[in-house]
Amino acid sequence: MDFVYFVIFLLATFGAAATGALFPTGEWYKQLNKPTWVPPNWVFPVAWTSIYLLIAFAGARVAGIEGSQIALAFWALQIAFNTLWTPVFFGLRALKKSLPIMAALWLAVLGCLITHFQVDFWAGMAFVPYMVWVTIAAALNLRMVQLNPDQKPLDIAKL
């Protein structure tokens, strides 16, 4: 694994993580009806920090290996959807509109899992926790939509 590649992939994850700082949960989120199985708040930064380190490792493992183009394309796709989901869900408060993004993220992570395994075993293994977490996140996103059917997106025209 090339350290320069790792730093580049880690910087990409920092971009995705920055959306969490730009669009914090706040009072709006606290007021939403949530399922009983929602993880406690402290779990989210621990899970995401671990996942971002693992996927930076995975990207760095496959970068430069012949035949890794599709794996890297899926890596780029998942980080794009990952970055997009937070502003839609927390920024715009658009629970329903965040579902297709979450579905696309789930598919992109699945694509990463499969293609990274095809290139490098340890890179594929690094995507396993992310696949588990994004599955939980997708179920949570769907359940939040169901529990909050009258939740309206933020009216940005009034800002």
N, C-alpha and C. Protein backbone atom coordinates (compact mmCIF):
# COMPACT_ATOMS: atom_id res chain seq x y z
N MET A 1 0.85 -1.18 0.00
CA MET A 1 0.00 0.00 0.00
C MET A 1 0.89 1.24 0.00
N ASP A 2 0.58 2.14 -0.87
CA ASP A 2 1.32 3.39 -1.00
C ASP A 2 0.74 4.43 -0.04
N PHE A 3 1.61 5.02 0.80
CA PHE A 3 1.16 6.00 1.80
C PHE A 3 0.54 7.23 1.14
N VAL A 4 1.06 7.66 0.00
CA VAL A 4 0.50 8.83 -0.69
C VAL A 4 -0.93 8.54 -1.12
N TYR A 5 -1.18 7.35 -1.66
CA TYR A 5 -2.55 6.97 -2.01
C TYR A 5 -3.46 7.01 -0.78
N PHE A 6 -2.96 6.47 0.33
CA PHE A 6 -3.76 6.46 1.56
C PHE A 6 -4.16 7.88 1.95
N VAL A 7 -3.21 8.81 1.91
CA VAL A 7 -3.50 10.20 2.29
C VAL A 7 -4.54 10.80 1.34
N ILE A 8 -4.42 10.52 0.05
CA ILE A 8 -5.39 11.05 -0.92
C ILE A 8 -6.79 10.51 -0.64
N PHE A 9 -6.90 9.21 -0.42
CA PHE A 9 -8.21 8.63 -0.12
C PHE A 9 -8.74 9.12 1.23
N LEU A 10 -7.85 9.29 2.18
CA LEU A 10 -8.28 9.80 3.49
C LEU A 10 -8.79 11.24 3.36
N LEU A 11 -8.14 12.05 2.55
CA LEU A 11 -8.63 13.42 2.32
C LEU A 11 -10.02 13.41 1.68
N ALA A 12 -10.26 12.47 0.79
CA ALA A 12 -11.60 12.36 0.18
C ALA A 12 -12.64 12.03 1.25
N THR A 13 -12.28 11.17 2.20
CA THR A 13 -13.23 10.85 3.27
C THR A 13 -13.44 12.05 4.19
N PHE A 14 -12.40 12.88 4.36
CA PHE A 14 -12.55 14.09 5.17
C PHE A 14 -13.59 15.02 4.54
N GLY A 15 -13.62 15.07 3.21
CA GLY A 15 -14.62 15.87 2.53
C GLY A 15 -16.02 15.40 2.83
N ALA A 16 -16.20 14.09 2.80
CA ALA A 16 -17.51 13.52 3.14
C ALA A 16 -17.85 13.78 4.61
N ALA A 17 -16.87 13.61 5.48
CA ALA A 17 -17.09 13.81 6.91
C ALA A 17 -17.41 15.27 7.23
N ALA A 18 -16.88 16.18 6.44
CA ALA A 18 -17.12 17.60 6.69
C ALA A 18 -18.59 17.96 6.60
N THR A 19 -19.36 17.20 5.81
CA THR A 19 -20.78 17.51 5.72
C THR A 19 -21.48 17.31 7.06
N GLY A 20 -20.96 16.40 7.87
CA GLY A 20 -21.52 16.21 9.21
C GLY A 20 -21.34 17.44 10.07
N ALA A 21 -20.21 18.12 9.92
CA ALA A 21 -19.97 19.35 10.67
C ALA A 21 -20.78 20.51 10.10
N LEU A 22 -20.95 20.52 8.79
CA LEU A 22 -21.70 21.61 8.15
C LEU A 22 -23.21 21.50 8.40
N PHE A 23 -23.68 20.26 8.55
CA PHE A 23 -25.11 20.03 8.73
C PHE A 23 -25.34 19.16 9.97
N PRO A 24 -25.16 19.73 11.17
CA PRO A 24 -25.34 18.95 12.39
C PRO A 24 -26.80 18.55 12.61
N THR A 25 -27.00 17.58 13.48
CA THR A 25 -28.35 17.06 13.71
C THR A 25 -29.26 18.12 14.31
N GLY A 26 -28.88 18.72 15.39
CA GLY A 26 -29.63 19.83 15.99
C GLY A 26 -30.98 19.43 16.59
N GLU A 27 -31.72 20.47 16.97
CA GLU A 27 -33.03 20.31 17.61
C GLU A 27 -34.03 19.62 16.69
N TRP A 28 -33.97 19.93 15.41
CA TRP A 28 -34.90 19.33 14.46
C TRP A 28 -34.82 17.80 14.54
N TYR A 29 -33.63 17.27 14.53
CA TYR A 29 -33.44 15.82 14.57
C TYR A 29 -33.92 15.25 15.91
N LYS A 30 -33.63 15.95 16.98
CA LYS A 30 -34.03 15.48 18.31
C LYS A 30 -35.55 15.33 18.42
N GLN A 31 -36.30 16.16 17.70
CA GLN A 31 -37.75 16.15 17.76
C GLN A 31 -38.39 15.06 16.90
N LEU A 32 -37.63 14.46 16.01
CA LEU A 32 -38.18 13.42 15.13
C LEU A 32 -38.52 12.16 15.91
N ASN A 33 -39.54 11.45 15.45
CA ASN A 33 -39.83 10.13 15.99
C ASN A 33 -38.77 9.18 15.44
N LYS A 34 -38.15 8.42 16.33
CA LYS A 34 -37.09 7.50 15.94
C LYS A 34 -37.42 6.09 16.42
N PRO A 35 -36.93 5.09 15.69
CA PRO A 35 -37.16 3.72 16.15
C PRO A 35 -36.40 3.46 17.44
N THR A 36 -36.86 2.48 18.18
CA THR A 36 -36.23 2.16 19.46
C THR A 36 -34.80 1.65 19.27
N TRP A 37 -34.48 1.15 18.11
CA TRP A 37 -33.16 0.55 17.87
C TRP A 37 -32.15 1.53 17.27
N VAL A 38 -32.47 2.82 17.24
CA VAL A 38 -31.50 3.80 16.73
C VAL A 38 -30.27 3.78 17.65
N PRO A 39 -29.07 3.72 17.07
CA PRO A 39 -27.87 3.70 17.92
C PRO A 39 -27.74 5.00 18.71
N PRO A 40 -27.09 4.94 19.87
CA PRO A 40 -26.86 6.17 20.63
C PRO A 40 -25.97 7.12 19.83
N ASN A 41 -26.07 8.40 20.12
CA ASN A 41 -25.35 9.42 19.35
C ASN A 41 -23.84 9.20 19.28
N TRP A 42 -23.24 8.70 20.36
CA TRP A 42 -21.79 8.53 20.38
C TRP A 42 -21.32 7.47 19.39
N VAL A 43 -22.19 6.57 18.96
CA VAL A 43 -21.80 5.50 18.04
C VAL A 43 -21.47 6.05 16.65
N PHE A 44 -22.17 7.08 16.22
CA PHE A 44 -22.01 7.58 14.86
C PHE A 44 -20.59 8.07 14.55
N PRO A 45 -19.99 8.95 15.37
CA PRO A 45 -18.62 9.37 15.04
C PRO A 45 -17.61 8.23 15.14
N VAL A 46 -17.81 7.32 16.06
CA VAL A 46 -16.91 6.17 16.18
C VAL A 46 -17.01 5.29 14.94
N ALA A 47 -18.24 5.00 14.53
CA ALA A 47 -18.45 4.15 13.36
C ALA A 47 -17.89 4.82 12.10
N TRP A 48 -18.22 6.09 11.89
CA TRP A 48 -17.77 6.76 10.67
C TRP A 48 -16.27 6.95 10.63
N THR A 49 -15.64 7.26 11.76
CA THR A 49 -14.18 7.39 11.77
C THR A 49 -13.53 6.07 11.39
N SER A 50 -14.02 4.98 11.96
CA SER A 50 -13.49 3.66 11.64
C SER A 50 -13.71 3.31 10.17
N ILE A 51 -14.91 3.57 9.68
CA ILE A 51 -15.23 3.27 8.29
C ILE A 51 -14.37 4.10 7.34
N TYR A 52 -14.23 5.38 7.61
CA TYR A 52 -13.43 6.23 6.72
C TYR A 52 -11.97 5.77 6.68
N LEU A 53 -11.43 5.38 7.81
CA LEU A 53 -10.05 4.85 7.82
C LEU A 53 -9.96 3.56 7.01
N LEU A 54 -10.94 2.69 7.19
CA LEU A 54 -10.93 1.42 6.46
C LEU A 54 -11.08 1.59 4.96
N ILE A 55 -11.96 2.49 4.54
CA ILE A 55 -12.15 2.63 3.09
C ILE A 55 -11.00 3.41 2.45
N ALA A 56 -10.35 4.29 3.20
CA ALA A 56 -9.13 4.93 2.68
C ALA A 56 -8.06 3.87 2.49
N PHE A 57 -7.94 2.98 3.46
CA PHE A 57 -7.01 1.84 3.36
C PHE A 57 -7.35 1.00 2.13
N ALA A 58 -8.62 0.70 1.94
CA ALA A 58 -9.06 -0.14 0.81
C ALA A 58 -8.72 0.54 -0.52
N GLY A 59 -9.03 1.81 -0.64
CA GLY A 59 -8.72 2.53 -1.87
C GLY A 59 -7.23 2.54 -2.16
N ALA A 60 -6.44 2.78 -1.11
CA ALA A 60 -4.99 2.81 -1.28
C ALA A 60 -4.45 1.43 -1.66
N ARG A 61 -5.07 0.38 -1.14
CA ARG A 61 -4.62 -0.99 -1.47
C ARG A 61 -4.81 -1.30 -2.94
N VAL A 62 -5.92 -0.85 -3.53
CA VAL A 62 -6.20 -1.22 -4.93
C VAL A 62 -5.67 -0.20 -5.93
N ALA A 63 -5.44 1.03 -5.50
CA ALA A 63 -4.93 2.06 -6.43
C ALA A 63 -3.59 1.62 -6.99
N GLY A 64 -3.46 1.73 -8.26
CA GLY A 64 -2.21 1.36 -8.89
C GLY A 64 -2.10 -0.09 -9.29
N ILE A 65 -3.04 -0.92 -8.86
CA ILE A 65 -3.04 -2.32 -9.25
C ILE A 65 -3.75 -2.45 -10.59
N GLU A 66 -3.13 -3.14 -11.50
CA GLU A 66 -3.74 -3.33 -12.81
C GLU A 66 -5.11 -4.01 -12.64
N GLY A 67 -6.10 -3.50 -13.34
CA GLY A 67 -7.44 -4.06 -13.27
C GLY A 67 -8.30 -3.50 -12.15
N SER A 68 -7.83 -2.43 -11.50
CA SER A 68 -8.59 -1.86 -10.37
C SER A 68 -9.52 -0.72 -10.77
N GLN A 69 -9.63 -0.43 -12.06
CA GLN A 69 -10.39 0.74 -12.49
C GLN A 69 -11.85 0.70 -12.04
N ILE A 70 -12.49 -0.44 -12.15
CA ILE A 70 -13.91 -0.52 -11.75
C ILE A 70 -14.04 -0.37 -10.24
N ALA A 71 -13.14 -0.98 -9.49
CA ALA A 71 -13.16 -0.83 -8.03
C ALA A 71 -13.00 0.63 -7.64
N LEU A 72 -12.09 1.32 -8.31
CA LEU A 72 -11.87 2.74 -7.99
C LEU A 72 -13.05 3.60 -8.43
N ALA A 73 -13.69 3.23 -9.52
CA ALA A 73 -14.89 3.95 -9.95
C ALA A 73 -16.00 3.80 -8.91
N PHE A 74 -16.18 2.58 -8.39
CA PHE A 74 -17.17 2.38 -7.33
C PHE A 74 -16.77 3.14 -6.06
N TRP A 75 -15.48 3.20 -5.77
CA TRP A 75 -15.02 3.94 -4.59
C TRP A 75 -15.43 5.42 -4.73
N ALA A 76 -15.18 5.98 -5.91
CA ALA A 76 -15.54 7.38 -6.15
C ALA A 76 -17.05 7.58 -6.06
N LEU A 77 -17.80 6.63 -6.59
CA LEU A 77 -19.26 6.72 -6.56
C LEU A 77 -19.80 6.68 -5.14
N GLN A 78 -19.27 5.78 -4.32
CA GLN A 78 -19.79 5.68 -2.95
C GLN A 78 -19.45 6.93 -2.14
N ILE A 79 -18.26 7.51 -2.34
CA ILE A 79 -17.92 8.69 -1.55
C ILE A 79 -18.76 9.89 -2.01
N ALA A 80 -19.13 9.93 -3.28
CA ALA A 80 -20.00 11.00 -3.77
C ALA A 80 -21.38 10.90 -3.14
N PHE A 81 -21.97 9.71 -3.14
CA PHE A 81 -23.30 9.54 -2.52
C PHE A 81 -23.23 9.73 -1.01
N ASN A 82 -22.15 9.29 -0.41
CA ASN A 82 -21.94 9.48 1.03
C ASN A 82 -21.94 10.96 1.35
N THR A 83 -21.24 11.75 0.55
CA THR A 83 -21.14 13.19 0.76
C THR A 83 -22.49 13.88 0.53
N LEU A 84 -23.26 13.39 -0.41
CA LEU A 84 -24.54 14.01 -0.76
C LEU A 84 -25.64 13.74 0.27
N TRP A 85 -25.62 12.58 0.89
CA TRP A 85 -26.74 12.18 1.75
C TRP A 85 -26.93 13.14 2.93
N THR A 86 -25.88 13.50 3.62
CA THR A 86 -26.01 14.33 4.83
C THR A 86 -26.66 15.69 4.56
N PRO A 87 -26.23 16.43 3.53
CA PRO A 87 -26.91 17.71 3.29
C PRO A 87 -28.39 17.56 2.93
N VAL A 88 -28.75 16.47 2.28
CA VAL A 88 -30.15 16.27 1.92
C VAL A 88 -30.96 15.91 3.16
N PHE A 89 -30.47 14.94 3.95
CA PHE A 89 -31.21 14.49 5.13
C PHE A 89 -31.19 15.55 6.23
N PHE A 90 -30.01 15.99 6.64
CA PHE A 90 -29.90 16.92 7.77
C PHE A 90 -29.98 18.38 7.35
N GLY A 91 -29.42 18.73 6.20
CA GLY A 91 -29.44 20.12 5.76
C GLY A 91 -30.80 20.55 5.25
N LEU A 92 -31.32 19.82 4.29
CA LEU A 92 -32.63 20.13 3.73
C LEU A 92 -33.78 19.51 4.53
N ARG A 93 -33.43 18.59 5.43
CA ARG A 93 -34.43 17.87 6.24
C ARG A 93 -35.43 17.14 5.34
N ALA A 94 -34.93 16.66 4.23
CA ALA A 94 -35.76 16.00 3.23
C ALA A 94 -35.64 14.48 3.40
N LEU A 95 -36.37 13.96 4.36
CA LEU A 95 -36.27 12.54 4.69
C LEU A 95 -36.57 11.65 3.49
N LYS A 96 -37.67 11.94 2.80
CA LYS A 96 -38.06 11.10 1.66
C LYS A 96 -37.07 11.23 0.51
N LYS A 97 -36.59 12.43 0.25
CA LYS A 97 -35.65 12.64 -0.86
C LYS A 97 -34.29 12.03 -0.58
N SER A 98 -33.99 11.78 0.68
CA SER A 98 -32.71 11.15 1.01
C SER A 98 -32.73 9.65 0.75
N LEU A 99 -33.92 9.05 0.65
CA LEU A 99 -34.01 7.59 0.42
C LEU A 99 -33.37 7.13 -0.89
N PRO A 100 -33.63 7.77 -2.04
CA PRO A 100 -32.96 7.31 -3.26
C PRO A 100 -31.44 7.47 -3.19
N ILE A 101 -30.97 8.50 -2.49
CA ILE A 101 -29.53 8.68 -2.32
C ILE A 101 -28.98 7.54 -1.48
N MET A 102 -29.69 7.20 -0.42
CA MET A 102 -29.27 6.08 0.43
C MET A 102 -29.26 4.78 -0.35
N ALA A 103 -30.26 4.57 -1.19
CA ALA A 103 -30.30 3.35 -2.01
C ALA A 103 -29.11 3.30 -2.96
N ALA A 104 -28.80 4.44 -3.57
CA ALA A 104 -27.65 4.51 -4.47
C ALA A 104 -26.35 4.29 -3.70
N LEU A 105 -26.26 4.85 -2.50
CA LEU A 105 -25.08 4.64 -1.66
C LEU A 105 -24.93 3.17 -1.32
N TRP A 106 -26.02 2.53 -0.93
CA TRP A 106 -25.98 1.11 -0.58
C TRP A 106 -25.47 0.28 -1.78
N LEU A 107 -26.00 0.57 -2.96
CA LEU A 107 -25.56 -0.16 -4.17
C LEU A 107 -24.10 0.13 -4.48
N ALA A 108 -23.66 1.37 -4.30
CA ALA A 108 -22.26 1.71 -4.56
C ALA A 108 -21.32 1.01 -3.58
N VAL A 109 -21.73 0.93 -2.31
CA VAL A 109 -20.91 0.22 -1.32
C VAL A 109 -20.87 -1.27 -1.65
N LEU A 110 -22.00 -1.83 -2.05
CA LEU A 110 -22.01 -3.23 -2.48
C LEU A 110 -21.06 -3.43 -3.66
N GLY A 111 -21.12 -2.51 -4.62
CA GLY A 111 -20.20 -2.57 -5.75
C GLY A 111 -18.76 -2.50 -5.30
N CYS A 112 -18.46 -1.65 -4.33
CA CYS A 112 -17.11 -1.57 -3.77
C CYS A 112 -16.70 -2.88 -3.13
N LEU A 113 -17.59 -3.42 -2.34
CA LEU A 113 -17.29 -4.68 -1.64
C LEU A 113 -16.91 -5.76 -2.64
N ILE A 114 -17.72 -5.92 -3.65
CA ILE A 114 -17.48 -6.97 -4.65
C ILE A 114 -16.21 -6.70 -5.44
N THR A 115 -16.08 -5.50 -5.98
CA THR A 115 -14.94 -5.22 -6.87
C THR A 115 -13.62 -5.12 -6.11
N HIS A 116 -13.65 -4.62 -4.88
CA HIS A 116 -12.41 -4.58 -4.10
C HIS A 116 -11.96 -5.99 -3.74
N PHE A 117 -12.89 -6.87 -3.43
CA PHE A 117 -12.52 -8.27 -3.19
C PHE A 117 -11.88 -8.89 -4.43
N GLN A 118 -12.36 -8.52 -5.60
CA GLN A 118 -11.81 -9.08 -6.83
C GLN A 118 -10.37 -8.65 -7.07
N VAL A 119 -10.02 -7.47 -6.55
CA VAL A 119 -8.67 -6.94 -6.75
C VAL A 119 -7.73 -7.33 -5.61
N ASP A 120 -8.23 -7.25 -4.37
CA ASP A 120 -7.38 -7.48 -3.20
C ASP A 120 -8.25 -7.92 -2.02
N PHE A 121 -7.92 -9.05 -1.43
CA PHE A 121 -8.72 -9.61 -0.34
C PHE A 121 -8.91 -8.61 0.80
N TRP A 122 -7.81 -7.99 1.27
CA TRP A 122 -7.89 -7.10 2.43
C TRP A 122 -8.65 -5.82 2.11
N ALA A 123 -8.57 -5.36 0.89
CA ALA A 123 -9.36 -4.20 0.48
C ALA A 123 -10.85 -4.55 0.52
N GLY A 124 -11.19 -5.73 0.08
CA GLY A 124 -12.58 -6.18 0.15
C GLY A 124 -13.05 -6.31 1.59
N MET A 125 -12.21 -6.89 2.43
CA MET A 125 -12.56 -7.04 3.85
C MET A 125 -12.79 -5.68 4.52
N ALA A 126 -12.04 -4.68 4.09
CA ALA A 126 -12.18 -3.35 4.68
C ALA A 126 -13.55 -2.74 4.40
N PHE A 127 -14.23 -3.22 3.38
CA PHE A 127 -15.58 -2.71 3.06
C PHE A 127 -16.70 -3.45 3.79
N VAL A 128 -16.40 -4.55 4.46
CA VAL A 128 -17.44 -5.31 5.16
C VAL A 128 -18.12 -4.48 6.25
N PRO A 129 -17.37 -3.81 7.15
CA PRO A 129 -18.06 -3.00 8.17
C PRO A 129 -18.91 -1.88 7.57
N TYR A 130 -18.45 -1.29 6.49
CA TYR A 130 -19.20 -0.23 5.81
C TYR A 130 -20.51 -0.79 5.26
N MET A 131 -20.46 -1.98 4.67
CA MET A 131 -21.68 -2.60 4.13
C MET A 131 -22.69 -2.84 5.25
N VAL A 132 -22.20 -3.31 6.38
CA VAL A 132 -23.08 -3.53 7.54
C VAL A 132 -23.68 -2.21 8.00
N TRP A 133 -22.81 -1.19 8.15
CA TRP A 133 -23.27 0.10 8.66
C TRP A 133 -24.24 0.78 7.71
N VAL A 134 -23.97 0.73 6.41
CA VAL A 134 -24.85 1.40 5.45
C VAL A 134 -26.18 0.65 5.35
N THR A 135 -26.19 -0.64 5.63
CA THR A 135 -27.45 -1.39 5.67
C THR A 135 -28.28 -0.94 6.86
N ILE A 136 -27.64 -0.76 8.00
CA ILE A 136 -28.33 -0.24 9.18
C ILE A 136 -28.83 1.18 8.92
N ALA A 137 -27.98 2.00 8.31
CA ALA A 137 -28.36 3.38 8.01
C ALA A 137 -29.54 3.45 7.04
N ALA A 138 -29.54 2.55 6.06
CA ALA A 138 -30.66 2.53 5.10
C ALA A 138 -31.96 2.15 5.79
N ALA A 139 -31.89 1.14 6.65
CA ALA A 139 -33.09 0.72 7.39
C ALA A 139 -33.55 1.85 8.32
N LEU A 140 -32.62 2.53 8.93
CA LEU A 140 -32.94 3.65 9.81
C LEU A 140 -33.56 4.80 9.02
N ASN A 141 -33.00 5.11 7.87
CA ASN A 141 -33.54 6.16 7.00
C ASN A 141 -34.99 5.84 6.61
N LEU A 142 -35.22 4.62 6.17
CA LEU A 142 -36.57 4.21 5.79
C LEU A 142 -37.53 4.29 6.97
N ARG A 143 -37.10 3.82 8.11
CA ARG A 143 -37.97 3.82 9.30
C ARG A 143 -38.28 5.25 9.76
N MET A 144 -37.31 6.15 9.62
CA MET A 144 -37.54 7.54 10.00
C MET A 144 -38.59 8.18 9.08
N VAL A 145 -38.56 7.82 7.81
CA VAL A 145 -39.58 8.31 6.88
C VAL A 145 -40.95 7.78 7.31
N GLN A 146 -41.02 6.52 7.65
CA GLN A 146 -42.29 5.91 8.06
C GLN A 146 -42.81 6.50 9.37
N LEU A 147 -41.92 6.79 10.31
CA LEU A 147 -42.33 7.32 11.61
C LEU A 147 -42.64 8.81 11.60
N ASN A 148 -42.22 9.49 10.52
CA ASN A 148 -42.41 10.93 10.42
C ASN A 148 -43.03 11.28 9.07
N PRO A 149 -44.23 10.74 8.78
CA PRO A 149 -44.82 10.92 7.44
C PRO A 149 -45.17 12.36 7.11
N ASP A 150 -45.39 13.19 8.11
CA ASP A 150 -45.78 14.58 7.85
C ASP A 150 -44.59 15.54 7.87
N GLN A 151 -43.40 15.01 8.03
CA GLN A 151 -42.20 15.86 8.07
C GLN A 151 -41.97 16.51 6.71
N LYS A 152 -41.96 17.81 6.71
CA LYS A 152 -41.75 18.58 5.47
C LYS A 152 -40.29 18.99 5.37
N PRO A 153 -39.75 18.99 4.15
CA PRO A 153 -38.38 19.48 3.98
C PRO A 153 -38.27 20.96 4.36
N LEU A 154 -37.07 21.37 4.65
CA LEU A 154 -36.79 22.76 4.97
C LEU A 154 -37.13 23.63 3.77
N ASP A 155 -37.82 24.71 4.00
CA ASP A 155 -38.17 25.64 2.92
C ASP A 155 -37.00 26.61 2.76
N ILE A 156 -36.14 26.33 1.80
CA ILE A 156 -34.95 27.16 1.64
C ILE A 156 -35.28 28.54 1.10
N ALA A 157 -36.46 28.72 0.55
CA ALA A 157 -36.86 30.05 0.08
C ALA A 157 -37.03 31.02 1.25
N LYS A 158 -37.28 30.48 2.43
CA LYS A 158 -37.49 31.33 3.62
C LYS A 158 -36.18 31.63 4.35
N LEU A 159 -35.09 31.08 3.86
CA LEU A 159 -33.81 31.32 4.55
C LEU A 159 -33.23 32.66 4.22
